[in-house]
Amino acid sequence: MKTAYHMVQYRRFEPDAETPNGATLEMLCRKALNTSKDGSPLSSRPDDRVFPVEGEGNRKILLNKVADLSSAVFGELCLIQTADLQALLSSKRTVVELSDLTTATIFELDERTAPDGTEFVRGMSYWLVIGNHLLFVKMQSMSVELLQSYFEWLLISAGGVVDAGTPVVINAAFDPAATVGGIGDIRSLRISGKSAPQVVRTTLDDEKGRAKTSRVVAEASALMDKAVPMMKAIFGDSRTDSLVDSLGPGEYLAVDASVKIRGERTEASSKALQAIANDLADASDAKVQIEGRDGRIVDGDAILRVRMPFHRPHEGSSLLEFDNVADQLQKVYKRFVDDGKIQA
């Protein structure tokens, strides 16, 4: 079986005051797909599941395959490019005169429209909704913004289960209950200052034996003293000195810090990095990005995601097997619940 790895991303639906009382995203999607027209549910009317992307006259999103799994709703979105051309390179060689001095043998490059009865698919997304939890995989030109727009259109316009004007809010970031504990083992830290020059200092609390961080606003000259040796180690003395000499009166060097542990991880190093990350996650005057096994924290907000293997129909295919994606997304959901990252 051919396998491809893709990132599974997590979002959470936030019911609005105007959302039907007690309705979860799963319930709203199921109700929308059962909306009847001429005795036929929306799930049986593919033409009515096509969303014209606003501002993009020849792009549409089709909810193609969709399945009620009783415990979840699972679907496949296709980003369609209509009235479009696809570049094709011919294997036939042609001798052409490209200039007065150049005659070359080339392969012909041409553009073709999609064959009659077909349209180009420029992006795909597979999504699973359980309760208010949304997990999805996106590929090619399918963006998160397009996914969000489709759900809003599905619930308001296509299904009519949410009143027009009611916000359909699907959040990526949320406050992690246990700071960085919710994103798994920490893999890297990245700290960068904002407007004022700052130094992030890490010390060890002798009484409790854990790492502590403090932030101090530094003079530009102090920041330079820390940045210059690091730059010399990377770029060498001459290039660094040349850059320093070129700086104007209002300029100074600053180096963002990025920390990773390479090689086989030990329990001691994992705990030490976790302790530092816990302190940094509360930073308010520096931009902090913490990467974990199951997601990341950016400026205090957690974003869950995890890389998973998926079955492809054949080698080189840009499609994924529908049933296998449904199984894998349900595994990710169960793993997040079991690990306490989300609540069922």
Protein backbone atom coordinates (compact mmCIF):
# COMPACT_ATOMS: atom_id res chain seq x y z
CA MET A 1 0.00 0.00 0.00
CA LYS A 2 1.38 3.41 -1.02
CA THR A 3 1.61 5.87 1.87
CA ALA A 4 1.87 9.65 2.10
CA TYR A 5 2.35 11.74 5.24
CA HIS A 6 0.21 14.84 5.76
CA MET A 7 -0.39 17.22 8.64
CA VAL A 8 -3.67 16.76 10.49
CA GLN A 9 -4.81 20.10 11.86
CA TYR A 10 -7.28 20.75 14.65
CA ARG A 11 -9.92 23.48 14.97
CA ARG A 12 -12.70 24.02 17.47
CA PHE A 13 -16.17 25.40 16.74
CA GLU A 14 -17.23 28.15 19.14
CA PRO A 15 -21.04 28.33 19.32
CA ASP A 16 -22.42 31.87 19.18
CA ALA A 17 -25.32 33.16 21.23
CA GLU A 18 -27.41 32.95 18.04
CA THR A 19 -26.45 29.32 17.37
CA PRO A 20 -29.41 26.93 17.87
CA ASN A 21 -29.46 25.95 21.54
CA GLY A 22 -27.19 23.02 22.31
CA ALA A 23 -26.31 22.37 18.67
CA THR A 24 -22.77 21.17 18.03
CA LEU A 25 -20.94 21.57 14.73
CA GLU A 26 -21.51 17.85 14.09
CA MET A 27 -25.26 18.23 14.63
CA LEU A 28 -25.41 21.32 12.40
CA CYS A 29 -23.50 19.60 9.56
CA ARG A 30 -25.70 16.50 9.78
CA LYS A 31 -28.85 18.63 9.75
CA ALA A 32 -27.59 20.71 6.80
CA LEU A 33 -26.83 17.60 4.73
CA ASN A 34 -30.33 16.26 5.43
CA THR A 35 -32.01 19.51 4.34
CA SER A 36 -34.69 18.46 1.85
CA LYS A 37 -35.49 20.02 -1.50
CA ASP A 38 -38.09 18.38 -3.76
CA GLY A 39 -37.94 15.37 -1.47
CA SER A 40 -34.17 14.95 -1.86
CA PRO A 41 -31.60 15.66 0.90
CA LEU A 42 -28.61 17.92 0.25
CA SER A 43 -26.33 14.87 0.48
CA SER A 44 -28.00 13.60 -2.72
CA ARG A 45 -27.75 16.91 -4.61
CA PRO A 46 -24.08 17.48 -5.57
CA ASP A 47 -24.88 20.57 -7.68
CA ASP A 48 -26.30 22.25 -4.57
CA ARG A 49 -23.12 21.51 -2.62
CA VAL A 50 -21.00 23.78 -4.86
CA PHE A 51 -19.82 27.02 -3.25
CA PRO A 52 -18.63 29.84 -5.59
CA VAL A 53 -15.54 31.38 -3.97
CA GLU A 54 -16.18 35.11 -3.54
CA GLY A 55 -13.88 37.31 -5.58
CA GLU A 56 -12.63 34.31 -7.57
CA GLY A 57 -14.93 34.07 -10.59
CA ASN A 58 -13.64 30.72 -11.83
CA ARG A 59 -12.99 28.95 -8.51
CA LYS A 60 -15.56 26.83 -6.71
CA ILE A 61 -15.53 24.40 -3.81
CA LEU A 62 -17.46 21.15 -4.09
CA LEU A 63 -18.32 18.94 -1.15
CA ASN A 64 -17.97 15.71 -3.10
CA LYS A 65 -18.01 12.58 -0.96
CA VAL A 66 -19.70 13.00 2.42
CA ALA A 67 -20.56 10.30 4.96
CA ASP A 68 -22.50 10.18 8.21
CA LEU A 69 -20.45 7.87 10.44
CA SER A 70 -23.08 8.01 13.25
CA SER A 71 -20.38 9.20 15.67
CA ALA A 72 -19.03 11.84 13.24
CA VAL A 73 -19.53 13.51 9.88
CA PHE A 74 -16.76 13.06 7.32
CA GLY A 75 -16.31 14.75 3.96
CA GLU A 76 -14.09 15.47 0.98
CA LEU A 77 -13.77 19.00 -0.43
CA CYS A 78 -12.49 19.76 -3.94
CA LEU A 79 -11.25 23.19 -5.03
CA ILE A 80 -12.30 23.41 -8.67
CA GLN A 81 -10.77 25.75 -11.23
CA THR A 82 -13.21 26.24 -14.10
CA ALA A 83 -12.40 27.76 -17.49
CA ASP A 84 -8.73 27.22 -16.75
CA LEU A 85 -5.64 26.14 -18.65
CA GLN A 86 -3.04 23.55 -17.67
CA ALA A 87 0.52 23.77 -18.96
CA LEU A 88 1.73 20.61 -20.74
CA LEU A 89 5.22 19.71 -21.89
CA SER A 90 5.36 17.56 -25.02
CA SER A 91 7.93 14.77 -25.29
CA LYS A 92 8.37 15.61 -28.99
CA ARG A 93 11.58 17.47 -29.82
CA THR A 94 11.46 20.56 -32.03
CA VAL A 95 14.29 22.65 -33.48
CA VAL A 96 13.56 26.37 -33.14
CA GLU A 97 15.45 29.61 -33.79
CA LEU A 98 15.33 31.56 -30.52
CA SER A 99 17.48 34.48 -31.61
CA ASP A 100 19.88 35.52 -34.35
CA LEU A 101 22.59 33.61 -32.49
CA THR A 102 20.69 30.67 -31.02
CA THR A 103 19.06 27.67 -32.62
CA ALA A 104 17.99 25.13 -30.01
CA THR A 105 16.28 21.78 -29.73
CA ILE A 106 13.43 22.02 -27.24
CA PHE A 107 10.31 20.28 -26.02
CA GLU A 108 7.11 22.05 -27.00
CA LEU A 109 5.27 23.78 -24.16
CA ASP A 110 1.54 24.19 -24.56
CA GLU A 111 -1.61 24.88 -22.56
CA ARG A 112 -4.81 22.85 -22.64
CA THR A 113 -8.26 23.13 -21.17
CA ALA A 114 -9.75 20.23 -19.22
CA PRO A 115 -11.41 17.58 -21.42
CA ASP A 116 -15.14 17.94 -21.98
CA GLY A 117 -17.15 16.99 -18.92
CA THR A 118 -14.23 17.49 -16.51
CA GLU A 119 -12.71 20.34 -14.49
CA PHE A 120 -9.28 20.85 -12.96
CA VAL A 121 -9.00 20.18 -9.22
CA ARG A 122 -6.52 22.62 -7.68
CA GLY A 123 -6.86 21.60 -4.04
CA MET A 124 -8.32 18.99 -1.71
CA SER A 125 -9.34 18.79 1.90
CA TYR A 126 -10.58 15.87 3.97
CA TRP A 127 -12.40 16.81 7.18
CA LEU A 128 -13.99 15.10 10.16
CA VAL A 129 -16.38 16.72 12.64
CA ILE A 130 -17.04 15.18 16.06
CA GLY A 131 -19.06 17.33 18.44
CA ASN A 132 -17.51 20.78 18.14
CA HIS A 133 -14.13 19.37 17.08
CA LEU A 134 -12.90 19.66 13.49
CA LEU A 135 -9.89 17.74 12.20
CA PHE A 136 -8.75 18.09 8.62
CA VAL A 137 -6.02 17.49 6.05
CA LYS A 138 -5.52 20.04 3.27
CA MET A 139 -3.47 19.67 0.10
CA GLN A 140 -2.35 21.78 -2.84
CA SER A 141 -4.08 25.18 -3.03
CA MET A 142 -6.83 24.47 -0.50
CA SER A 143 -6.39 26.98 2.34
CA VAL A 144 -7.78 27.07 5.87
CA GLU A 145 -9.64 30.29 4.96
CA LEU A 146 -11.44 28.48 2.12
CA LEU A 147 -12.35 25.64 4.47
CA GLN A 148 -13.78 28.10 6.99
CA SER A 149 -15.74 29.90 4.24
CA TYR A 150 -17.24 26.63 3.03
CA PHE A 151 -18.51 25.63 6.47
CA GLU A 152 -20.08 29.06 6.91
CA TRP A 153 -21.80 28.77 3.50
CA LEU A 154 -22.88 25.16 4.15
CA LEU A 155 -24.59 26.00 7.45
CA ILE A 156 -26.11 29.35 6.47
CA SER A 157 -26.84 29.33 2.72
CA ALA A 158 -26.89 25.70 1.58
CA GLY A 159 -28.39 24.07 4.66
CA GLY A 160 -30.22 26.98 6.26
CA VAL A 161 -29.56 25.61 9.76
CA VAL A 162 -27.93 28.83 11.01
CA ASP A 163 -29.46 32.28 10.53
CA ALA A 164 -27.76 34.69 8.11
CA GLY A 165 -25.45 37.05 9.96
CA THR A 166 -24.68 34.53 12.70
CA PRO A 167 -20.90 34.12 13.05
CA VAL A 168 -19.59 30.64 12.34
CA VAL A 169 -16.40 30.72 14.39
CA ILE A 170 -13.90 27.89 14.01
CA ASN A 171 -10.80 28.71 16.05
CA ALA A 172 -7.28 27.50 15.47
CA ALA A 173 -5.76 28.85 18.67
CA PHE A 174 -7.01 28.47 22.21
CA ASP A 175 -5.70 28.89 25.74
CA PRO A 176 -3.86 25.68 26.66
CA ALA A 177 -5.07 24.42 30.04
CA ALA A 178 -1.67 23.14 31.08
CA THR A 179 0.44 25.70 29.21
CA VAL A 180 2.69 23.64 26.93
CA GLY A 181 1.67 20.25 28.28
CA GLY A 182 -1.10 20.09 25.72
CA ILE A 183 1.20 19.90 22.70
CA GLY A 184 3.28 16.90 23.69
CA ASP A 185 7.05 16.65 24.08
CA ILE A 186 8.77 19.96 23.34
CA ARG A 187 11.03 19.85 20.29
CA SER A 188 12.20 23.43 19.87
CA LEU A 189 11.92 26.95 21.29
CA ARG A 190 12.19 30.20 19.39
CA ILE A 191 12.24 33.61 21.04
CA SER A 192 12.33 36.97 19.26
CA GLY A 193 11.98 40.45 20.71
CA LYS A 194 9.40 43.02 19.71
CA SER A 195 9.81 46.80 19.60
CA ALA A 196 12.21 47.24 22.52
CA PRO A 197 15.55 45.39 22.64
CA GLN A 198 15.17 42.57 25.17
CA VAL A 199 17.18 39.73 26.59
CA VAL A 200 15.55 36.52 27.80
CA ARG A 201 17.61 35.18 30.71
CA THR A 202 17.26 31.60 31.96
CA THR A 203 18.47 30.72 35.47
CA LEU A 204 18.16 27.71 37.76
CA ASP A 205 16.18 27.96 40.98
CA ASP A 206 18.43 26.15 43.46
CA GLU A 207 15.62 25.52 45.95
CA LYS A 208 13.16 23.93 43.55
CA GLY A 209 15.64 22.73 40.96
CA ARG A 210 13.73 24.05 37.95
CA ALA A 211 14.54 26.55 35.23
CA LYS A 212 13.27 30.13 35.57
CA THR A 213 13.22 32.85 32.95
CA SER A 214 13.23 36.60 33.27
CA ARG A 215 13.10 39.35 30.65
CA VAL A 216 15.01 42.59 30.89
CA VAL A 217 14.94 45.54 28.52
CA ALA A 218 18.50 45.98 27.39
CA GLU A 219 20.38 48.88 25.94
CA ALA A 220 21.11 48.49 22.25
CA SER A 221 24.81 48.28 23.05
CA ALA A 222 24.21 45.36 25.44
CA LEU A 223 22.15 43.55 22.82
CA MET A 224 24.91 44.11 20.29
CA ASP A 225 27.44 42.58 22.70
CA LYS A 226 25.39 39.37 22.69
CA ALA A 227 24.58 39.35 18.97
CA VAL A 228 28.05 40.02 17.54
CA PRO A 229 29.79 36.88 18.90
CA MET A 230 26.96 34.71 17.64
CA MET A 231 27.16 36.29 14.19
CA LYS A 232 30.92 35.86 14.08
CA ALA A 233 30.56 32.18 14.88
CA ILE A 234 28.16 31.77 11.94
CA PHE A 235 29.40 34.27 9.33
CA GLY A 236 33.02 34.88 10.34
CA ASP A 237 34.86 37.97 11.61
CA SER A 238 35.26 39.93 8.39
CA ARG A 239 31.64 39.78 7.25
CA THR A 240 30.32 40.56 10.73
CA ASP A 241 32.74 43.49 11.18
CA SER A 242 31.75 44.84 7.77
CA LEU A 243 28.07 44.71 8.72
CA VAL A 244 28.72 46.37 12.10
CA ASP A 245 30.68 49.18 10.43
CA SER A 246 27.80 49.81 8.02
CA LEU A 247 25.16 50.35 10.74
CA GLY A 248 23.65 53.80 11.11
CA PRO A 249 23.14 55.66 14.42
CA GLY A 250 19.64 54.19 14.93
CA GLU A 251 20.52 50.61 13.98
CA TYR A 252 21.73 47.69 16.06
CA LEU A 253 22.17 43.94 15.65
CA ALA A 254 19.80 41.50 17.30
CA VAL A 255 19.81 37.72 17.01
CA ASP A 256 16.69 35.62 17.54
CA ALA A 257 17.31 32.53 19.67
CA SER A 258 16.28 29.08 18.50
CA VAL A 259 16.98 26.01 20.64
CA LYS A 260 16.64 22.37 19.59
CA ILE A 261 17.94 19.12 21.03
CA ARG A 262 19.39 16.81 18.40
CA GLY A 263 19.93 13.09 18.75
CA GLU A 264 18.23 10.63 21.08
CA ARG A 265 16.24 12.42 23.77
CA THR A 266 16.66 11.57 27.46
CA GLU A 267 14.05 12.04 30.17
CA ALA A 268 16.25 14.61 31.91
CA SER A 269 16.75 16.79 28.82
CA SER A 270 13.05 16.56 27.94
CA LYS A 271 12.04 17.75 31.41
CA ALA A 272 14.58 20.57 31.36
CA LEU A 273 13.37 21.86 27.99
CA GLN A 274 9.75 21.50 29.12
CA ALA A 275 10.46 23.60 32.22
CA ILE A 276 11.96 26.39 30.16
CA ALA A 277 9.07 26.25 27.70
CA ASN A 278 6.52 26.46 30.54
CA ASP A 279 8.05 29.74 31.70
CA LEU A 280 8.45 31.16 28.20
CA ALA A 281 4.84 30.37 27.26
CA ASP A 282 3.68 33.20 29.53
CA ALA A 283 5.96 35.80 27.94
CA SER A 284 4.08 38.98 27.05
CA ASP A 285 6.82 41.20 25.68
CA ALA A 286 8.60 38.75 23.39
CA LYS A 287 7.31 36.60 20.57
CA VAL A 288 7.61 32.98 21.64
CA GLN A 289 7.04 29.94 19.44
CA ILE A 290 7.20 26.52 21.08
CA GLU A 291 7.10 23.45 18.84
CA GLY A 292 5.87 20.18 20.30
CA ARG A 293 5.18 16.69 19.02
CA ASP A 294 1.45 17.38 18.65
CA GLY A 295 1.34 21.09 17.87
CA ARG A 296 2.77 24.43 18.84
CA ILE A 297 2.22 27.45 21.05
CA VAL A 298 2.56 30.92 19.57
CA ASP A 299 2.36 33.86 21.97
CA GLY A 300 0.48 31.80 24.54
CA ASP A 301 -2.09 30.26 22.20
CA ALA A 302 -2.02 26.53 21.54
CA ILE A 303 -2.44 25.10 18.05
CA LEU A 304 -2.83 21.32 17.83
CA ARG A 305 -1.61 19.37 14.83
CA VAL A 306 0.10 16.05 14.18
CA ARG A 307 1.64 14.35 11.15
CA MET A 308 -0.04 11.09 10.09
CA PRO A 309 0.37 8.48 7.32
CA PHE A 310 -2.43 8.03 4.78
CA HIS A 311 -3.05 5.47 2.04
CA ARG A 312 -2.95 6.58 -1.60
CA PRO A 313 -4.67 4.73 -4.46
CA HIS A 314 -1.34 4.38 -6.28
CA GLU A 315 2.21 5.74 -6.40
CA GLY A 316 2.34 9.44 -7.27
CA SER A 317 -1.37 10.00 -6.64
CA SER A 318 -2.44 13.35 -5.17
CA LEU A 319 -5.59 11.71 -3.78
CA LEU A 320 -6.04 9.83 -0.52
CA GLU A 321 -8.21 6.79 0.15
CA PHE A 322 -11.49 8.08 1.58
CA ASP A 323 -12.10 5.32 4.15
CA ASN A 324 -8.50 5.34 5.37
CA VAL A 325 -8.56 9.12 5.98
CA ALA A 326 -11.75 8.73 8.03
CA ASP A 327 -10.03 6.05 10.15
CA GLN A 328 -6.86 8.10 10.66
CA LEU A 329 -8.68 11.30 11.62
CA GLN A 330 -10.73 9.37 14.18
CA LYS A 331 -7.48 7.96 15.59
CA VAL A 332 -6.09 11.50 15.98
CA TYR A 333 -9.27 12.62 17.72
CA LYS A 334 -9.13 9.67 20.15
CA ARG A 335 -5.44 10.31 20.82
CA PHE A 336 -6.05 13.98 21.61
CA VAL A 337 -8.92 13.02 23.94
CA ASP A 338 -6.95 10.23 25.66
CA ASP A 339 -3.96 12.55 26.16
CA GLY A 340 -6.20 15.21 27.69
CA LYS A 341 -5.55 17.78 24.97
CA ILE A 342 -9.26 18.15 24.16
CA GLN A 343 -12.48 17.08 25.87
CA ALA A 344 -14.84 14.63 24.20
